[in-house]
Amino acid sequence: MSAELVTFFKALADANRLKIVGLLAEKPYSVEELAVLLQLKPPTISHHLARLVEAGLVKSHTESYY
């Protein structure tokens, strides 16, 4: 199995990351919005998003200060 596939499946092996992908499939959300929706801390959301970006499942961009 290629390293890309392993990264992809590891990214989806977490329930919170699956929830994030599902929410982002509906519309864009900020880290803070996702944190509220999933009842997690923003740094935790950022960690999950980094894994999803690495796997090519989501894209992110910075708006204003954040």
Protein backbone atom coordinates (compact mmCIF):
# COMPACT_ATOMS: atom_id res chain seq x y z
CA MET A 1 0.00 0.00 0.00
CA SER A 2 1.37 3.42 -0.90
CA ALA A 3 2.25 5.99 1.74
CA GLU A 4 -0.42 8.32 0.32
CA LEU A 5 -3.15 5.75 0.92
CA VAL A 6 -1.93 5.08 4.44
CA THR A 7 -2.03 8.82 5.18
CA PHE A 8 -5.52 9.06 3.66
CA PHE A 9 -6.96 6.20 5.72
CA LYS A 10 -5.22 7.30 8.93
CA ALA A 11 -6.76 10.74 8.48
CA LEU A 12 -10.23 9.21 8.29
CA ALA A 13 -9.64 6.76 11.15
CA ASP A 14 -10.63 9.35 13.74
CA ALA A 15 -14.31 10.05 14.51
CA ASN A 16 -13.75 13.79 14.98
CA ARG A 17 -11.95 14.09 11.65
CA LEU A 18 -14.84 12.30 9.96
CA LYS A 19 -17.24 14.79 11.55
CA ILE A 20 -15.08 17.69 10.38
CA VAL A 21 -15.03 16.39 6.80
CA GLY A 22 -18.81 15.98 6.92
CA LEU A 23 -19.34 19.50 8.19
CA LEU A 24 -16.93 21.01 5.68
CA ALA A 25 -18.67 19.17 2.85
CA GLU A 26 -21.73 21.32 3.61
CA LYS A 27 -20.00 24.72 3.83
CA PRO A 28 -16.77 26.39 4.95
CA TYR A 29 -16.27 26.83 8.68
CA SER A 30 -13.62 28.57 10.75
CA VAL A 31 -11.62 26.70 13.37
CA GLU A 32 -13.61 28.47 16.07
CA GLU A 33 -16.95 27.50 14.52
CA LEU A 34 -15.89 23.86 14.22
CA ALA A 35 -14.69 23.90 17.83
CA VAL A 36 -18.11 25.06 19.02
CA LEU A 37 -20.00 22.58 16.84
CA LEU A 38 -17.87 19.63 17.94
CA GLN A 39 -17.35 20.81 21.52
CA LEU A 40 -13.57 20.67 21.17
CA LYS A 41 -10.84 23.24 21.77
CA PRO A 42 -9.60 25.24 18.74
CA PRO A 43 -6.04 23.80 18.99
CA THR A 44 -7.54 20.30 18.77
CA ILE A 45 -9.50 21.29 15.66
CA SER A 46 -6.33 22.80 14.15
CA HIS A 47 -4.48 19.53 14.78
CA HIS A 48 -7.21 17.52 13.07
CA LEU A 49 -7.35 19.95 10.15
CA ALA A 50 -3.58 19.67 9.68
CA ARG A 51 -3.93 15.90 9.32
CA LEU A 52 -6.80 16.32 6.84
CA VAL A 53 -4.84 18.87 4.80
CA GLU A 54 -1.84 16.52 4.76
CA ALA A 55 -4.07 13.77 3.38
CA GLY A 56 -5.47 16.11 0.74
CA LEU A 57 -9.00 15.89 2.12
CA VAL A 58 -9.50 19.57 2.91
CA LYS A 59 -7.98 22.92 1.96
CA SER A 60 -7.51 25.83 4.30
CA HIS A 61 -6.85 29.51 4.02
CA THR A 62 -6.25 32.36 6.41
CA GLU A 63 -8.70 35.23 6.71
CA SER A 64 -7.73 38.44 8.49
CA TYR A 65 -5.79 37.76 11.69
CA TYR A 66 -6.72 34.06 11.99
